[in-house]
Amino acid sequence: MIGAPMVSHVLPSLEIIRELVARGHRVTYANTDHAAGIIAPTGAEFVRYTSTLPVVSNEWPQDPVAASALFLDDAIAVLPQLRAAYDDDPADLYLYDIAAYSARALAEAQGRDLVQLSPTYVGWEGVQEEINAMFAGLPGADAYRTRFADWLARCGAVTTDVDEFSGRPRRALAMIPRAMQPCADRVDTDVVTFVGPCLGDRAEQGGWTRPAGADKVLLVSLGTAFTRQPEFYRTCVAAFGGLPGWHVVLQIGEYTDPAELGHRLPSNIEVRSWVPQLAVLEQADAFVTHAGMGGSNEGLYSGVPMIAVPQGAEQFHNADRLVELGVARRIDTADATAEVLRSALTELTTDPRVAARSAELRAQARAEGGARRAADLIEERLG
């Protein structure tokens, strides 16, 4: 497995890797030290590389061309490291993250098969044309494509068309519910299989116990990358602090000091820098989320109604999709007053239609097969 160092991209693959190791396969997982700790419990052999991506500073550009260039730069830097690790010991099959361009280049140069593990939605018929139209005319877009094509021509890859290489995998397993996929009817099912969230029990993350006397539990989490939001957290305290019957687990991440929330918090507010999110969601009655794909998947898998407060990237599209599915309300950060948040929580958790739809989508997500089905399909590919 050749991954990308963003935690939100690593977590979805871990249960598949654990399953393959348990079945007796020799599995290596190439990534950076940033992800080493969460990969170790899978039993895979860790292969270290150094990335140029800003996963430590968390300073990602908003400009789409600049953001795309980051991943191309990373591929250029990482590929020689992967060749040093794998040229003398090539894999029978390479699994790779959607952001790991270096993995496809490596596999093609070695003449080996590969399967993409996608932690987010996959391409559909016509999407590349839509992306190219969006990029057309943006400063630096033409130079980016030229540089990408030049790299493909000299890196050993067989596929030298930029659109084909970056957007059309040979084989892909989508680790999301099919319900979250845009234009699902236009996805090539000969190439892509939706295996749903691959979560496992995540026992290594520890558990969480619902406090005695808590009639209902609300989890507030903006994931791992968009957590520097002290003002929003203070709004959540104002919205849900002292709310009768509710216990609130407020995850604030590593970039916010708990002191920024005030020194006298209501007794029903539990502030954590990090929580075992799935363990909390399994006992929760509602979820305030940034609508990242990981959080959206876990919310659907747990059957929990969601208040989606998107922060960036694909989260705005995810939030709208959750609303379309009938299990969420979207509230943009600028509109997220205490009154609006509290009202949305009441509406969601008292609407029987939301409860029924949440249960229906929970059953669908679990029926897609998860890590065991993914491992079966990978073994078929190895066949």
Protein backbone atom coordinates (compact mmCIF):
# COMPACT_ATOMS: atom_id res chain seq x y z
CA MET A 1 0.00 0.00 0.00
CA ILE A 2 1.33 3.42 -0.98
CA GLY A 3 -0.54 6.10 0.88
CA ALA A 4 -0.71 9.83 1.31
CA PRO A 5 0.25 11.27 4.72
CA MET A 6 -3.05 13.06 5.46
CA VAL A 7 -4.73 11.26 8.36
CA SER A 8 -8.13 11.52 6.66
CA HIS A 9 -6.67 9.52 3.75
CA VAL A 10 -4.88 6.94 5.91
CA LEU A 11 -7.69 5.97 8.27
CA PRO A 12 -10.09 4.56 5.62
CA SER A 13 -7.51 2.05 4.37
CA LEU A 14 -6.35 0.66 7.69
CA GLU A 15 -8.98 -2.02 8.19
CA ILE A 16 -8.37 -3.38 4.68
CA ILE A 17 -4.65 -3.61 5.41
CA ARG A 18 -5.34 -5.28 8.75
CA GLU A 19 -7.60 -7.81 7.02
CA LEU A 20 -5.00 -8.63 4.36
CA VAL A 21 -2.32 -9.13 7.01
CA ALA A 22 -4.67 -11.41 8.97
CA ARG A 23 -5.20 -13.51 5.84
CA GLY A 24 -1.48 -14.15 5.62
CA HIS A 25 -0.37 -11.73 2.94
CA ARG A 26 2.92 -9.91 3.23
CA VAL A 27 1.86 -6.26 3.27
CA THR A 28 3.99 -3.15 3.34
CA TYR A 29 2.60 0.36 3.84
CA ALA A 30 4.63 3.26 2.45
CA ASN A 31 3.97 6.58 4.13
CA THR A 32 5.60 9.31 6.23
CA ASP A 33 6.41 9.35 9.92
CA HIS A 34 3.32 11.55 10.34
CA ALA A 35 1.17 8.46 9.73
CA ALA A 36 3.44 5.74 11.13
CA GLY A 37 1.72 5.53 14.50
CA ILE A 38 -1.73 4.79 13.15
CA ILE A 39 -0.43 2.32 10.56
CA ALA A 40 1.57 0.22 13.06
CA PRO A 41 -1.41 -1.62 14.66
CA THR A 42 -2.40 -3.12 11.29
CA GLY A 43 0.66 -5.39 11.32
CA ALA A 44 1.90 -4.10 7.96
CA GLU A 45 5.61 -3.46 7.50
CA PHE A 46 6.15 0.30 7.45
CA VAL A 47 8.14 1.76 4.55
CA ARG A 48 9.22 5.31 5.23
CA TYR A 49 9.31 8.13 2.71
CA THR A 50 9.59 11.90 3.09
CA SER A 51 6.77 14.05 1.73
CA THR A 52 6.65 17.68 0.62
CA LEU A 53 2.96 18.04 1.53
CA PRO A 54 2.12 20.53 4.33
CA VAL A 55 0.58 17.97 6.69
CA VAL A 56 2.39 19.32 9.74
CA SER A 57 1.82 23.04 9.20
CA ASN A 58 -1.68 22.35 7.86
CA GLU A 59 -1.32 25.31 5.50
CA TRP A 60 -3.08 24.20 2.32
CA PRO A 61 -3.62 26.68 -0.52
CA GLN A 62 -7.17 27.62 -1.48
CA ASP A 63 -6.25 28.10 -5.14
CA PRO A 64 -7.09 24.83 -6.98
CA VAL A 65 -4.11 25.02 -9.33
CA ALA A 66 -1.69 25.60 -6.46
CA ALA A 67 -3.30 22.75 -4.50
CA SER A 68 -3.00 20.38 -7.48
CA ALA A 69 0.63 21.40 -7.98
CA LEU A 70 1.40 20.38 -4.39
CA PHE A 71 0.50 16.77 -5.18
CA LEU A 72 2.49 16.75 -8.40
CA ASP A 73 5.51 18.18 -6.56
CA ASP A 74 5.09 15.47 -3.93
CA ALA A 75 4.96 12.71 -6.55
CA ILE A 76 8.14 13.99 -8.15
CA ALA A 77 9.88 13.97 -4.77
CA VAL A 78 8.51 10.64 -3.54
CA LEU A 79 8.93 8.43 -6.63
CA PRO A 80 12.74 8.08 -6.32
CA GLN A 81 12.28 7.09 -2.67
CA LEU A 82 9.73 4.42 -3.62
CA ARG A 83 11.99 3.09 -6.36
CA ALA A 84 14.81 2.77 -3.86
CA ALA A 85 12.52 0.78 -1.56
CA TYR A 86 10.70 -1.39 -4.13
CA ASP A 87 12.77 -1.82 -7.29
CA ASP A 88 14.66 -4.74 -5.78
CA ASP A 89 11.56 -6.09 -4.00
CA PRO A 90 8.52 -5.26 -6.17
CA ALA A 91 5.03 -5.99 -4.95
CA ASP A 92 2.77 -8.48 -6.71
CA LEU A 93 0.04 -5.84 -6.48
CA TYR A 94 0.18 -2.20 -5.47
CA LEU A 95 -2.67 -0.59 -3.56
CA TYR A 96 -2.57 3.20 -3.58
CA ASP A 97 -4.32 6.31 -2.38
CA ILE A 98 -5.89 8.67 -4.93
CA ALA A 99 -3.35 11.35 -3.99
CA ALA A 100 -0.32 9.09 -4.47
CA TYR A 101 0.56 9.68 -8.13
CA SER A 102 3.99 8.25 -7.44
CA ALA A 103 2.42 4.84 -6.79
CA ARG A 104 0.92 4.50 -10.25
CA ALA A 105 4.16 5.66 -11.83
CA LEU A 106 6.08 3.05 -9.82
CA ALA A 107 3.71 0.18 -10.65
CA GLU A 108 3.66 1.01 -14.36
CA ALA A 109 7.44 1.33 -14.51
CA GLN A 110 7.74 -2.12 -12.91
CA GLY A 111 4.97 -3.65 -15.04
CA ARG A 112 2.91 -4.51 -11.96
CA ASP A 113 -0.84 -4.41 -11.39
CA LEU A 114 -2.44 -1.85 -9.10
CA VAL A 115 -5.74 -1.06 -7.37
CA GLN A 116 -6.74 2.38 -6.18
CA LEU A 117 -8.27 2.69 -2.71
CA SER A 118 -10.38 5.83 -2.82
CA PRO A 119 -11.33 7.47 0.50
CA THR A 120 -13.64 9.90 -1.32
CA TYR A 121 -15.87 9.89 -4.37
CA VAL A 122 -14.55 8.60 -7.66
CA GLY A 123 -14.67 9.89 -11.23
CA TRP A 124 -17.67 9.43 -13.49
CA GLU A 125 -18.30 9.66 -17.20
CA GLY A 126 -17.67 13.26 -18.26
CA VAL A 127 -16.14 14.48 -15.00
CA GLN A 128 -12.68 15.07 -16.47
CA GLU A 129 -14.16 17.41 -19.03
CA GLU A 130 -15.94 19.27 -16.24
CA ILE A 131 -12.68 19.60 -14.28
CA ASN A 132 -10.75 20.79 -17.32
CA ALA A 133 -13.42 23.39 -18.03
CA MET A 134 -13.18 24.61 -14.44
CA PHE A 135 -9.38 24.91 -14.66
CA ALA A 136 -9.39 26.54 -18.10
CA GLY A 137 -8.07 30.07 -17.91
CA LEU A 138 -6.94 29.86 -14.28
CA PRO A 139 -3.46 31.32 -13.74
CA GLY A 140 -0.86 28.57 -13.90
CA ALA A 141 -3.24 25.86 -15.15
CA ASP A 142 -1.54 25.34 -18.53
CA ALA A 143 1.92 25.33 -16.96
CA TYR A 144 0.77 22.75 -14.40
CA ARG A 145 -0.52 20.38 -17.11
CA THR A 146 2.65 20.82 -19.15
CA ARG A 147 4.83 20.03 -16.14
CA PHE A 148 2.68 16.97 -15.31
CA ALA A 149 2.97 15.68 -18.88
CA ASP A 150 6.73 16.23 -18.89
CA TRP A 151 7.08 14.24 -15.66
CA LEU A 152 4.99 11.37 -17.03
CA ALA A 153 7.14 11.26 -20.17
CA ARG A 154 10.32 10.71 -18.16
CA CYS A 155 9.28 8.92 -14.94
CA GLY A 156 8.78 5.48 -16.45
CA ALA A 157 4.98 5.49 -16.47
CA VAL A 158 3.22 3.72 -19.33
CA THR A 159 0.22 6.05 -19.17
CA THR A 160 1.42 9.44 -20.38
CA ASP A 161 -1.92 11.24 -20.81
CA VAL A 162 -2.46 13.50 -17.79
CA ASP A 163 -6.23 13.00 -17.64
CA GLU A 164 -5.95 9.24 -17.98
CA PHE A 165 -3.17 8.95 -15.40
CA SER A 166 -4.70 11.20 -12.75
CA GLY A 167 -8.39 10.52 -13.23
CA ARG A 168 -8.99 7.03 -14.63
CA PRO A 169 -7.67 4.17 -12.48
CA ARG A 170 -7.37 0.66 -13.88
CA ARG A 171 -9.30 -0.69 -10.90
CA ALA A 172 -10.68 1.13 -7.86
CA LEU A 173 -12.39 0.30 -4.59
CA ALA A 174 -14.41 3.23 -3.25
CA MET A 175 -14.41 3.18 0.55
CA ILE A 176 -17.57 5.30 0.78
CA PRO A 177 -21.29 4.51 0.68
CA ARG A 178 -22.60 4.59 -2.88
CA ALA A 179 -25.22 7.01 -1.55
CA MET A 180 -22.50 9.68 -1.17
CA GLN A 181 -21.24 9.37 -4.77
CA PRO A 182 -22.16 12.18 -7.19
CA CYS A 183 -23.54 10.96 -10.53
CA ALA A 184 -23.39 7.38 -9.28
CA ASP A 185 -25.29 6.15 -12.34
CA ARG A 186 -22.39 7.40 -14.53
CA VAL A 187 -19.62 5.56 -12.64
CA ASP A 188 -18.03 2.68 -14.57
CA THR A 189 -18.86 -0.32 -12.38
CA ASP A 190 -16.47 -2.51 -14.38
CA VAL A 191 -13.69 -0.40 -12.87
CA VAL A 192 -15.11 0.85 -9.56
CA THR A 193 -16.70 -1.15 -6.73
CA PHE A 194 -18.28 0.61 -3.77
CA VAL A 195 -17.31 -1.34 -0.66
CA GLY A 196 -18.63 1.27 1.77
CA PRO A 197 -16.88 2.49 4.93
CA CYS A 198 -14.10 0.14 6.05
CA LEU A 199 -14.11 0.95 9.74
CA GLY A 200 -13.58 -2.12 11.92
CA ASP A 201 -13.91 -1.63 15.67
CA ARG A 202 -10.87 0.70 15.97
CA ALA A 203 -10.21 -0.79 19.39
CA GLU A 204 -6.67 0.54 19.36
CA GLN A 205 -8.10 4.07 19.59
CA GLY A 206 -9.71 3.34 22.93
CA GLY A 207 -13.33 3.55 23.98
CA TRP A 208 -15.73 6.14 25.29
CA THR A 209 -18.37 5.74 27.97
CA ARG A 210 -21.64 7.60 27.90
CA PRO A 211 -21.96 9.49 31.21
CA ALA A 212 -24.62 8.37 33.63
CA GLY A 213 -27.66 10.59 33.38
CA ALA A 214 -26.98 11.67 29.80
CA ASP A 215 -30.28 11.20 27.99
CA LYS A 216 -28.78 12.20 24.65
CA VAL A 217 -25.24 12.66 23.30
CA LEU A 218 -24.02 15.19 20.75
CA LEU A 219 -20.57 14.96 19.14
CA VAL A 220 -19.02 18.13 17.69
CA SER A 221 -15.96 17.49 15.52
CA LEU A 222 -14.38 19.29 12.58
CA GLY A 223 -12.09 16.38 11.79
CA THR A 224 -8.30 16.68 11.70
CA ALA A 225 -7.43 19.44 9.22
CA PHE A 226 -9.90 22.29 9.82
CA THR A 227 -9.83 22.48 13.60
CA ARG A 228 -8.40 25.92 14.25
CA GLN A 229 -11.87 27.34 14.94
CA PRO A 230 -12.08 28.70 18.53
CA GLU A 231 -14.91 31.11 17.71
CA PHE A 232 -17.05 28.30 16.32
CA TYR A 233 -16.36 26.15 19.37
CA ARG A 234 -17.42 29.03 21.64
CA THR A 235 -20.63 29.29 19.63
CA CYS A 236 -21.24 25.57 20.18
CA VAL A 237 -20.76 26.03 23.91
CA ALA A 238 -23.34 28.84 23.83
CA ALA A 239 -25.70 26.75 21.70
CA PHE A 240 -25.57 23.46 23.56
CA GLY A 241 -24.21 24.29 27.01
CA GLY A 242 -26.82 23.56 29.66
CA LEU A 243 -29.25 22.08 27.12
CA PRO A 244 -31.49 19.80 29.19
CA GLY A 245 -30.72 16.10 28.79
CA TRP A 246 -27.81 16.58 26.40
CA HIS A 247 -24.17 15.66 26.98
CA VAL A 248 -21.86 17.34 24.44
CA VAL A 249 -18.49 15.92 23.39
CA LEU A 250 -16.58 18.84 21.85
CA GLN A 251 -13.43 17.82 19.97
CA ILE A 252 -11.27 20.90 19.31
CA GLY A 253 -8.16 19.39 17.70
CA GLU A 254 -4.50 20.15 18.31
CA TYR A 255 -4.54 23.74 17.05
CA THR A 256 -6.97 25.20 19.62
CA ASP A 257 -6.16 25.80 23.29
CA PRO A 258 -9.04 24.73 25.58
CA ALA A 259 -8.50 27.98 27.52
CA GLU A 260 -9.79 29.85 24.45
CA LEU A 261 -13.25 28.47 25.21
CA GLY A 262 -13.43 30.05 28.66
CA HIS A 263 -12.61 28.77 32.12
CA ARG A 264 -16.13 28.02 33.35
CA LEU A 265 -17.76 25.73 30.86
CA PRO A 266 -21.23 24.26 31.45
CA SER A 267 -21.11 20.88 33.17
CA ASN A 268 -22.58 19.06 30.16
CA ILE A 269 -19.69 20.11 27.86
CA GLU A 270 -16.81 17.61 27.58
CA VAL A 271 -13.85 19.23 25.79
CA ARG A 272 -11.23 17.00 24.19
CA SER A 273 -8.37 17.64 21.79
CA TRP A 274 -9.10 14.23 20.29
CA VAL A 275 -11.71 11.52 20.80
CA PRO A 276 -12.20 8.00 19.37
CA GLN A 277 -14.85 9.36 17.04
CA LEU A 278 -16.45 6.11 15.94
CA ALA A 279 -16.78 4.94 19.55
CA VAL A 280 -18.60 8.16 20.41
CA LEU A 281 -20.81 8.08 17.31
CA GLU A 282 -21.97 4.56 18.10
CA GLN A 283 -23.55 6.03 21.24
CA ALA A 284 -24.48 9.47 19.89
CA ASP A 285 -27.85 10.92 18.96
CA ALA A 286 -26.52 13.74 16.74
CA PHE A 287 -23.29 14.89 15.12
CA VAL A 288 -22.03 18.37 14.25
CA THR A 289 -19.49 17.73 11.49
CA HIS A 290 -17.46 19.62 8.91
CA ALA A 291 -18.78 17.06 6.39
CA GLY A 292 -15.39 15.72 5.42
CA MET A 293 -15.79 12.39 3.68
CA GLY A 294 -14.52 10.47 6.70
CA GLY A 295 -16.93 12.14 9.09
CA SER A 296 -19.81 11.84 6.62
CA ASN A 297 -19.11 8.12 6.19
CA GLU A 298 -18.94 7.51 9.93
CA GLY A 299 -22.14 9.48 10.50
CA LEU A 300 -24.00 7.44 7.89
CA TYR A 301 -22.49 4.17 9.11
CA SER A 302 -23.64 4.99 12.66
CA GLY A 303 -27.09 6.18 11.58
CA VAL A 304 -26.67 9.54 13.32
CA PRO A 305 -28.40 12.74 12.10
CA MET A 306 -25.89 15.45 11.21
CA ILE A 307 -25.52 19.21 11.31
CA ALA A 308 -23.05 19.86 8.48
CA VAL A 309 -20.84 22.95 8.86
CA PRO A 310 -18.46 22.69 5.87
CA GLN A 311 -15.04 24.32 6.11
CA GLY A 312 -13.33 23.70 2.75
CA ALA A 313 -12.46 21.34 -0.11
CA GLU A 314 -15.24 18.88 -1.03
CA GLN A 315 -17.09 19.42 2.24
CA PHE A 316 -19.62 21.83 0.75
CA HIS A 317 -20.66 19.20 -1.80
CA ASN A 318 -20.76 16.53 0.91
CA ALA A 319 -22.95 18.73 3.11
CA ASP A 320 -25.41 19.28 0.28
CA ARG A 321 -25.49 15.55 -0.45
CA LEU A 322 -26.24 14.72 3.18
CA VAL A 323 -29.11 17.20 3.06
CA GLU A 324 -30.39 15.58 -0.17
CA LEU A 325 -30.26 12.20 1.54
CA GLY A 326 -32.56 13.52 4.27
CA VAL A 327 -30.23 13.08 7.26
CA ALA A 328 -28.67 16.51 7.75
CA ARG A 329 -29.00 20.28 7.86
CA ARG A 330 -26.30 22.44 6.25
CA ILE A 331 -25.28 25.55 8.16
CA ASP A 332 -22.38 27.60 6.82
CA THR A 333 -19.93 28.95 9.40
CA ALA A 334 -21.01 32.55 8.89
CA ASP A 335 -24.63 31.58 9.64
CA ALA A 336 -23.84 29.28 12.58
CA THR A 337 -25.20 31.30 15.48
CA ALA A 338 -26.05 29.62 18.76
CA GLU A 339 -29.76 29.96 18.03
CA VAL A 340 -29.48 28.44 14.55
CA LEU A 341 -27.39 25.50 15.77
CA ARG A 342 -29.71 24.77 18.67
CA SER A 343 -32.79 24.97 16.46
CA ALA A 344 -31.25 22.60 13.89
CA LEU A 345 -30.43 20.07 16.62
CA THR A 346 -34.01 20.10 17.87
CA GLU A 347 -35.47 19.78 14.38
CA LEU A 348 -33.22 16.90 13.39
CA THR A 349 -33.64 14.84 16.52
CA THR A 350 -37.42 15.18 16.74
CA ASP A 351 -38.25 14.43 13.09
CA PRO A 352 -39.27 10.77 12.63
CA ARG A 353 -38.49 10.99 8.90
CA VAL A 354 -34.85 11.82 9.68
CA ALA A 355 -34.65 8.91 12.10
CA ALA A 356 -36.10 6.49 9.54
CA ARG A 357 -33.84 7.69 6.75
CA SER A 358 -30.76 7.53 9.00
CA ALA A 359 -31.55 3.92 9.86
CA GLU A 360 -32.11 3.06 6.19
CA LEU A 361 -28.79 4.53 5.07
CA ARG A 362 -27.00 2.90 8.00
CA ALA A 363 -28.21 -0.50 6.81
CA GLN A 364 -27.20 0.24 3.21
CA ALA A 365 -23.69 1.35 4.20
CA ARG A 366 -23.09 -1.78 6.24
CA ALA A 367 -24.44 -4.05 3.52
CA GLU A 368 -21.80 -2.88 1.03
CA GLY A 369 -19.30 -5.20 2.66
CA GLY A 370 -16.53 -3.00 4.04
CA ALA A 371 -13.00 -4.26 4.56
CA ARG A 372 -13.76 -7.96 4.15
CA ARG A 373 -15.35 -7.44 0.75
CA ALA A 374 -12.47 -5.17 -0.24
CA ALA A 375 -9.97 -7.85 0.75
CA ASP A 376 -11.92 -10.46 -1.24
CA LEU A 377 -11.77 -8.26 -4.34
CA ILE A 378 -8.05 -7.59 -3.85
CA GLU A 379 -7.41 -11.33 -3.60
CA GLU A 380 -9.37 -11.84 -6.80
CA ARG A 381 -7.12 -9.30 -8.47
CA LEU A 382 -4.04 -11.11 -7.17
CA GLY A 383 -5.66 -14.37 -8.43
